[in-house]
Amino acid sequence: MRSPKVWAGIIASALFIGLLLRQVDLGEMRAHISEVRTGWPWLVAAMGIVMLAIGVRGWRWRVILDRSARISTREALSLLIIGYAANNVLPMRAGEFVRAQLLYQRTGVSRLATLGTIIVERIFDVLVLALFLAGTVTFAGGIDERVRVFALLITTGAAGAAVVVALLAVWPRAAELCVAMLRVVPADVRPRMQVLLGNFLVGLGSLHGERVWLAVAGSSVLTWALEAAAFWLVGQAFALPITPVLYLAVCAAATLAVAAPSTAGGVGPFEVSASALLVVFGVPASHAAAYALVLHVTLIVPVVVTGVVLLWRQHLRFGPMWRAAQVPAGVSE
C-alpha cells in the first residue's frame, strides 16, 4: 500500500494528533484515560449503541436503494458495514467506493448509481447533524458567537443541498435543466459528464413519495440520536461535567469534521473538533482530549471487527477491496 493517498492520510492524522497533544498536559490526559478502566461497562454499552445505529443506517440505505437494487436489509447492512470498516482503515473515504464495488459485483447495479445513493445518505446526515449543532449552540449559554455563526452556515449549506436533492428527485424539469447546463462543458468531456449525471440521477430515483422521504429523514434523525447517546455513554465513563443535550453538539461537530474525505477513519480531525467543542463547554483540555481519543476507539473498533468478520464469512479479501478503492469506481458505467 504505497499509494500517496495513504501516506497523505497518515501525515494528516499525525499533524492533527500532534496539534491536539500540544495543547494538553500529557500526564493529566494519561491519568484520565487510566481512570476510565473502572467505567468500562459504559464503553461496552456505547459499542452496542453504535452497532444499533449502524443497523438503522443499513435499513435506510436499503430504502434508498429500493428502485436501483432489490436486496434485503441484511445484505444492505452487510455491505454498509464492510464499507464503513474500509473507511476506518483506508484514506479519502475509500470505503464508499468499496461499497459501490461490492454491490456492483453482487447485483450488477452501476457503481455510479450506488455512489448517488451514498451522496443522498451524506446529505441527510449533514443536514441532521447541522441541525443538532445549530439547535444546541443556539440555546446553550456561554457559547462563542463564532461557533454560533459556524453552526448557522453549516445548517444553511446542508439545507440548500437537501433542497437541490429534493428538486432533482421529484421535479423532472430540474434534471432536464442540469442536463442542459452540460452544454457549456467542453465537448470532449461532455459525454462522460452526461454519464456521470445520468447515473447519479438513477441513484436518486428511489426518493419518490412522501413515505420514502419520511422514512429516510426519520431514520437519519434516529441513527444520529443513537450515535449521540453513545457519545453520552462514553462521557459517563469519563464523568464529563456537561449536560446530556450538549452531546448532540459534540457528536455533530466531531462527525462533520470528518465528513469530507481526508484521513483514514477521520483520525485527527475527529479528536481535535470533539475536544475543542468540549473546551468551549467548560471541560478542561486534558480531560476533553482523553475523552475524544477513547471515544474514537470505542466508535471504530466494533465496526472494523464486524467488517473483518463479514469479509471472512463472505470469502472476500482485503487486496481486491483495496484495488477497488483505487479506481474512480465505474467511470465508464
Protein backbone atom coordinates (compact mmCIF):
# COMPACT_ATOMS: atom_id res chain seq x y z
CA MET A 1 0.00 0.00 0.00
CA ARG A 2 2.39 2.64 -1.25
CA SER A 3 -0.32 4.93 -2.55
CA PRO A 4 0.36 8.63 -1.96
CA LYS A 5 -3.18 8.85 -0.58
CA VAL A 6 -2.23 6.50 2.24
CA TRP A 7 0.83 8.50 3.21
CA ALA A 8 -1.05 11.77 2.88
CA GLY A 9 -3.71 10.43 5.25
CA ILE A 10 -1.12 9.21 7.76
CA ILE A 11 0.71 12.53 7.72
CA ALA A 12 -2.54 14.50 8.10
CA SER A 13 -3.59 12.34 11.06
CA ALA A 14 -0.19 12.79 12.70
CA LEU A 15 -0.38 16.56 12.28
CA PHE A 16 -3.86 16.78 13.81
CA ILE A 17 -2.98 14.49 16.73
CA GLY A 18 0.24 16.47 17.27
CA LEU A 19 -1.80 19.69 17.34
CA LEU A 20 -4.13 18.16 19.91
CA LEU A 21 -1.37 16.87 22.19
CA ARG A 22 0.50 20.19 22.12
CA GLN A 23 -2.46 21.83 23.82
CA VAL A 24 -2.80 19.44 26.76
CA ASP A 25 -0.91 18.21 29.79
CA LEU A 26 0.08 14.67 28.78
CA GLY A 27 0.34 13.49 32.37
CA GLU A 28 -3.20 14.64 33.15
CA MET A 29 -4.50 13.12 29.93
CA ARG A 30 -2.95 9.73 30.73
CA ALA A 31 -4.42 9.90 34.22
CA HIS A 32 -7.91 10.48 32.83
CA ILE A 33 -7.51 7.58 30.40
CA SER A 34 -6.30 5.23 33.15
CA GLU A 35 -9.25 6.18 35.37
CA VAL A 36 -11.73 5.07 32.71
CA ARG A 37 -10.83 1.43 33.36
CA THR A 38 -13.42 1.43 36.14
CA GLY A 39 -16.04 2.72 33.70
CA TRP A 40 -15.58 0.04 31.03
CA PRO A 41 -19.27 -1.07 31.17
CA TRP A 42 -20.18 2.36 29.80
CA LEU A 43 -17.82 1.78 26.87
CA VAL A 44 -19.30 -1.65 26.14
CA ALA A 45 -22.79 -0.15 26.20
CA ALA A 46 -21.63 2.59 23.82
CA MET A 47 -20.33 -0.01 21.37
CA GLY A 48 -23.71 -1.73 21.43
CA ILE A 49 -25.50 1.55 20.70
CA VAL A 50 -23.09 2.25 17.83
CA MET A 51 -23.95 -1.07 16.19
CA LEU A 52 -27.66 -0.40 16.70
CA ALA A 53 -27.26 2.97 14.95
CA ILE A 54 -25.47 1.26 12.06
CA GLY A 55 -28.34 -1.21 11.84
CA VAL A 56 -30.73 1.71 11.31
CA ARG A 57 -28.42 3.07 8.61
CA GLY A 58 -28.43 -0.30 6.86
CA TRP A 59 -32.23 -0.22 6.74
CA ARG A 60 -32.15 3.39 5.48
CA TRP A 61 -29.73 2.51 2.68
CA ARG A 62 -31.96 -0.40 1.63
CA VAL A 63 -34.87 2.05 1.38
CA ILE A 64 -32.82 4.48 -0.73
CA LEU A 65 -31.65 1.61 -2.94
CA ASP A 66 -35.13 0.21 -3.41
CA ARG A 67 -35.56 1.14 -7.09
CA SER A 68 -31.93 0.54 -8.03
CA ALA A 69 -31.32 -2.84 -6.38
CA ARG A 70 -33.66 -5.28 -4.73
CA ILE A 71 -31.63 -6.51 -1.79
CA SER A 72 -32.59 -7.39 1.75
CA THR A 73 -31.90 -5.18 4.74
CA ARG A 74 -29.44 -7.81 5.96
CA GLU A 75 -27.48 -7.67 2.68
CA ALA A 76 -27.53 -3.87 2.67
CA LEU A 77 -26.30 -3.79 6.26
CA SER A 78 -23.50 -6.24 5.49
CA LEU A 79 -22.20 -4.16 2.57
CA LEU A 80 -22.58 -0.95 4.56
CA ILE A 81 -20.53 -2.30 7.49
CA ILE A 82 -17.79 -3.53 5.17
CA GLY A 83 -17.71 -0.09 3.56
CA TYR A 84 -17.56 1.63 6.95
CA ALA A 85 -14.77 -0.71 8.07
CA ALA A 86 -12.84 0.18 4.92
CA ASN A 87 -13.39 3.88 5.65
CA ASN A 88 -11.70 3.34 9.01
CA VAL A 89 -8.55 1.83 7.50
CA LEU A 90 -8.37 3.49 4.08
CA PRO A 91 -7.93 7.23 3.42
CA MET A 92 -10.19 9.57 1.46
CA ARG A 93 -13.38 7.71 2.46
CA ALA A 94 -12.43 4.96 0.01
CA GLY A 95 -14.89 2.66 1.73
CA GLU A 96 -17.68 4.32 -0.25
CA PHE A 97 -16.08 3.06 -3.47
CA VAL A 98 -15.67 -0.35 -1.86
CA ARG A 99 -19.38 -0.46 -1.02
CA ALA A 100 -20.30 0.51 -4.57
CA GLN A 101 -17.94 -2.09 -6.00
CA LEU A 102 -19.30 -4.90 -3.82
CA LEU A 103 -22.91 -4.03 -4.70
CA TYR A 104 -21.95 -4.00 -8.39
CA GLN A 105 -20.40 -7.45 -8.08
CA ARG A 106 -23.48 -8.76 -6.29
CA THR A 107 -26.30 -7.17 -8.31
CA GLY A 108 -24.80 -5.51 -11.39
CA VAL A 109 -26.08 -2.09 -10.33
CA SER A 110 -23.96 0.74 -11.72
CA ARG A 111 -21.33 1.85 -9.25
CA LEU A 112 -22.04 5.49 -10.02
CA ALA A 113 -25.73 4.94 -9.31
CA THR A 114 -24.75 3.42 -5.96
CA LEU A 115 -22.50 6.39 -5.23
CA GLY A 116 -25.53 8.57 -5.95
CA THR A 117 -27.43 6.82 -3.16
CA ILE A 118 -24.45 7.28 -0.83
CA ILE A 119 -24.42 11.00 -1.60
CA VAL A 120 -28.10 11.10 -0.64
CA GLU A 121 -27.16 9.47 2.67
CA ARG A 122 -24.46 12.03 3.28
CA ILE A 123 -26.75 14.98 2.55
CA PHE A 124 -29.35 13.77 5.05
CA ASP A 125 -26.59 13.05 7.60
CA VAL A 126 -25.06 16.50 7.26
CA LEU A 127 -28.47 18.17 7.49
CA VAL A 128 -29.42 16.32 10.69
CA LEU A 129 -26.01 16.90 12.29
CA ALA A 130 -26.08 20.58 11.34
CA LEU A 131 -29.49 20.93 12.97
CA PHE A 132 -28.18 19.17 16.10
CA LEU A 133 -25.22 21.53 16.26
CA ALA A 134 -27.15 24.70 15.49
CA GLY A 135 -30.01 23.86 17.83
CA THR A 136 -27.71 23.02 20.72
CA VAL A 137 -25.38 26.00 20.49
CA THR A 138 -28.33 28.36 19.96
CA PHE A 139 -29.86 27.52 23.33
CA ALA A 140 -26.70 26.72 25.31
CA GLY A 141 -25.33 29.59 27.36
CA GLY A 142 -21.81 30.99 27.17
CA ILE A 143 -21.12 29.91 23.59
CA ASP A 144 -18.71 31.95 21.48
CA GLU A 145 -20.58 33.87 18.78
CA ARG A 146 -18.21 32.48 16.13
CA VAL A 147 -19.36 28.96 16.99
CA ARG A 148 -22.98 30.02 16.53
CA VAL A 149 -22.22 31.59 13.14
CA PHE A 150 -20.32 28.48 12.03
CA ALA A 151 -23.25 26.26 13.02
CA LEU A 152 -25.67 28.51 11.15
CA LEU A 153 -23.56 28.45 8.00
CA ILE A 154 -23.35 24.65 8.04
CA THR A 155 -27.09 24.34 8.57
CA THR A 156 -27.82 26.75 5.71
CA GLY A 157 -25.50 24.89 3.34
CA ALA A 158 -26.92 21.48 4.29
CA ALA A 159 -30.49 22.74 3.88
CA GLY A 160 -29.62 24.11 0.44
CA ALA A 161 -28.13 20.77 -0.63
CA ALA A 162 -31.22 18.96 0.65
CA VAL A 163 -33.45 21.27 -1.41
CA VAL A 164 -31.39 20.59 -4.55
CA VAL A 165 -31.63 16.82 -4.00
CA ALA A 166 -35.37 17.11 -3.43
CA LEU A 167 -35.84 19.04 -6.66
CA LEU A 168 -33.76 16.56 -8.64
CA ALA A 169 -35.67 13.65 -7.14
CA VAL A 170 -39.25 14.86 -7.57
CA TRP A 171 -39.20 17.53 -10.30
CA PRO A 172 -38.18 16.18 -13.74
CA ARG A 173 -37.65 19.71 -15.03
CA ALA A 174 -34.77 20.17 -12.56
CA ALA A 175 -32.93 17.17 -14.01
CA GLU A 176 -33.55 18.50 -17.53
CA LEU A 177 -32.02 21.84 -16.52
CA CYS A 178 -28.93 20.06 -15.18
CA VAL A 179 -28.55 18.18 -18.46
CA ALA A 180 -28.99 21.43 -20.41
CA MET A 181 -26.28 23.10 -18.32
CA LEU A 182 -23.81 20.49 -19.57
CA ARG A 183 -23.83 22.26 -22.94
CA VAL A 184 -21.32 24.74 -21.56
CA VAL A 185 -18.92 21.88 -20.73
CA PRO A 186 -16.16 21.27 -23.30
CA ALA A 187 -17.30 18.80 -25.97
CA ASP A 188 -14.51 16.31 -25.29
CA VAL A 189 -15.62 15.70 -21.69
CA ARG A 190 -19.36 16.28 -22.15
CA PRO A 191 -20.27 12.61 -22.86
CA ARG A 192 -18.58 11.43 -19.67
CA MET A 193 -20.25 14.17 -17.64
CA GLN A 194 -23.62 13.14 -19.08
CA VAL A 195 -22.98 9.55 -18.00
CA LEU A 196 -21.96 10.71 -14.53
CA LEU A 197 -25.06 12.87 -14.14
CA GLY A 198 -27.35 10.18 -15.52
CA ASN A 199 -26.09 7.54 -13.11
CA PHE A 200 -26.32 9.95 -10.20
CA LEU A 201 -29.94 10.72 -11.06
CA VAL A 202 -30.65 6.99 -11.17
CA GLY A 203 -29.29 6.83 -7.65
CA LEU A 204 -31.85 9.42 -6.62
CA GLY A 205 -34.68 7.54 -8.28
CA SER A 206 -35.97 5.93 -5.09
CA LEU A 207 -36.73 9.27 -3.43
CA HIS A 208 -40.27 9.44 -4.74
CA GLY A 209 -43.25 9.64 -2.46
CA GLU A 210 -43.89 11.13 0.94
CA ARG A 211 -43.43 7.81 2.75
CA VAL A 212 -39.90 7.35 1.40
CA TRP A 213 -38.87 10.87 2.36
CA LEU A 214 -40.29 10.42 5.86
CA ALA A 215 -38.58 7.05 6.22
CA VAL A 216 -35.18 8.38 5.16
CA ALA A 217 -35.47 11.58 7.20
CA GLY A 218 -36.79 9.81 10.29
CA SER A 219 -34.14 7.09 10.21
CA SER A 220 -31.45 9.74 9.74
CA VAL A 221 -32.58 11.54 12.90
CA LEU A 222 -32.80 8.23 14.80
CA THR A 223 -29.36 6.99 13.79
CA TRP A 224 -27.63 10.20 14.87
CA ALA A 225 -29.63 10.41 18.09
CA LEU A 226 -28.34 6.91 18.88
CA GLU A 227 -24.80 7.95 17.97
CA ALA A 228 -25.08 10.95 20.31
CA ALA A 229 -26.27 8.55 23.01
CA ALA A 230 -23.04 6.59 22.51
CA PHE A 231 -21.10 9.84 22.96
CA TRP A 232 -23.01 10.38 26.22
CA LEU A 233 -22.26 6.86 27.46
CA VAL A 234 -18.53 7.36 26.92
CA GLY A 235 -18.89 10.73 28.66
CA GLN A 236 -20.34 8.90 31.67
CA ALA A 237 -17.24 6.72 31.80
CA PHE A 238 -15.15 9.91 31.97
CA ALA A 239 -17.59 11.74 34.27
CA LEU A 240 -17.61 14.77 31.97
CA PRO A 241 -19.23 17.79 33.62
CA ILE A 242 -21.69 18.64 30.83
CA THR A 243 -25.42 18.12 30.39
CA PRO A 244 -26.66 15.26 28.15
CA VAL A 245 -28.10 17.57 25.49
CA LEU A 246 -24.65 19.01 24.75
CA TYR A 247 -23.54 15.63 23.44
CA LEU A 248 -25.74 16.30 20.41
CA ALA A 249 -23.43 19.19 19.54
CA VAL A 250 -20.24 17.22 20.30
CA CYS A 251 -21.45 14.36 18.10
CA ALA A 252 -22.32 16.78 15.31
CA ALA A 253 -19.06 18.71 15.46
CA ALA A 254 -16.84 15.62 15.55
CA THR A 255 -18.73 13.90 12.72
CA LEU A 256 -18.95 16.96 10.48
CA ALA A 257 -15.20 17.42 10.88
CA VAL A 258 -14.62 14.09 9.15
CA ALA A 259 -17.43 14.37 6.58
CA ALA A 260 -15.03 15.48 3.85
CA PRO A 261 -12.56 12.87 2.53
CA SER A 262 -9.33 13.15 4.48
CA THR A 263 -7.65 10.75 6.90
CA ALA A 264 -8.40 7.08 7.44
CA GLY A 265 -11.23 6.83 9.95
CA GLY A 266 -11.11 10.58 10.45
CA VAL A 267 -8.28 10.09 12.95
CA GLY A 268 -7.06 13.53 13.96
CA PRO A 269 -9.84 15.87 12.78
CA PHE A 270 -12.36 13.93 14.90
CA GLU A 271 -10.34 14.25 18.11
CA VAL A 272 -9.44 17.89 17.55
CA SER A 273 -13.02 19.02 16.85
CA ALA A 274 -14.62 16.99 19.66
CA SER A 275 -12.14 18.16 22.28
CA ALA A 276 -12.27 21.78 21.06
CA LEU A 277 -16.04 21.96 21.48
CA LEU A 278 -15.83 20.31 24.90
CA VAL A 279 -13.36 23.01 25.96
CA VAL A 280 -15.92 25.59 24.79
CA PHE A 281 -18.43 23.84 27.07
CA GLY A 282 -16.05 24.20 30.03
CA VAL A 283 -14.28 20.82 30.08
CA PRO A 284 -10.52 21.04 30.85
CA ALA A 285 -8.38 20.45 27.75
CA SER A 286 -6.62 17.30 29.05
CA HIS A 287 -9.92 15.77 30.15
CA ALA A 288 -11.50 16.58 26.77
CA ALA A 289 -8.58 15.14 24.80
CA ALA A 290 -8.61 11.89 26.79
CA TYR A 291 -12.34 11.54 26.18
CA ALA A 292 -12.01 12.23 22.44
CA LEU A 293 -9.25 9.65 21.96
CA VAL A 294 -11.05 6.86 23.83
CA LEU A 295 -14.37 7.80 22.24
CA HIS A 296 -12.99 7.42 18.73
CA VAL A 297 -11.55 4.00 19.53
CA THR A 298 -14.91 2.98 21.00
CA LEU A 299 -16.69 4.01 17.81
CA ILE A 300 -14.22 2.43 15.40
CA VAL A 301 -13.41 -0.93 16.98
CA PRO A 302 -16.83 -2.65 16.73
CA VAL A 303 -17.25 -1.54 13.11
CA VAL A 304 -13.80 -2.71 12.00
CA VAL A 305 -14.09 -6.04 13.83
CA THR A 306 -17.55 -6.70 12.41
CA GLY A 307 -16.40 -5.69 8.92
CA VAL A 308 -13.44 -8.09 9.07
CA VAL A 309 -15.72 -10.92 10.22
CA LEU A 310 -18.12 -10.23 7.36
CA LEU A 311 -15.28 -10.20 4.85
CA TRP A 312 -14.07 -13.55 6.19
CA ARG A 313 -17.54 -15.11 6.15
CA GLN A 314 -18.13 -13.96 2.57
CA HIS A 315 -14.69 -15.18 1.47
CA LEU A 316 -13.64 -11.70 0.42
CA ARG A 317 -10.05 -10.49 0.59
CA PHE A 318 -8.68 -7.08 1.52
CA GLY A 319 -6.46 -6.88 -1.59
CA PRO A 320 -9.29 -6.72 -4.17
CA MET A 321 -11.19 -4.38 -1.87
CA TRP A 322 -8.17 -2.04 -1.79
CA ARG A 323 -7.80 -2.16 -5.59
CA ALA A 324 -11.49 -1.31 -5.99
CA ALA A 325 -10.92 1.81 -3.90
CA GLN A 326 -8.01 2.90 -6.09
CA VAL A 327 -10.16 3.47 -9.19
CA PRO A 328 -12.84 6.15 -9.54
CA ALA A 329 -15.45 3.44 -9.38
CA GLY A 330 -17.31 2.84 -12.57
CA VAL A 331 -16.45 5.98 -14.50
CA SER A 332 -17.33 4.11 -17.66
CA GLU A 333 -20.64 2.81 -16.33
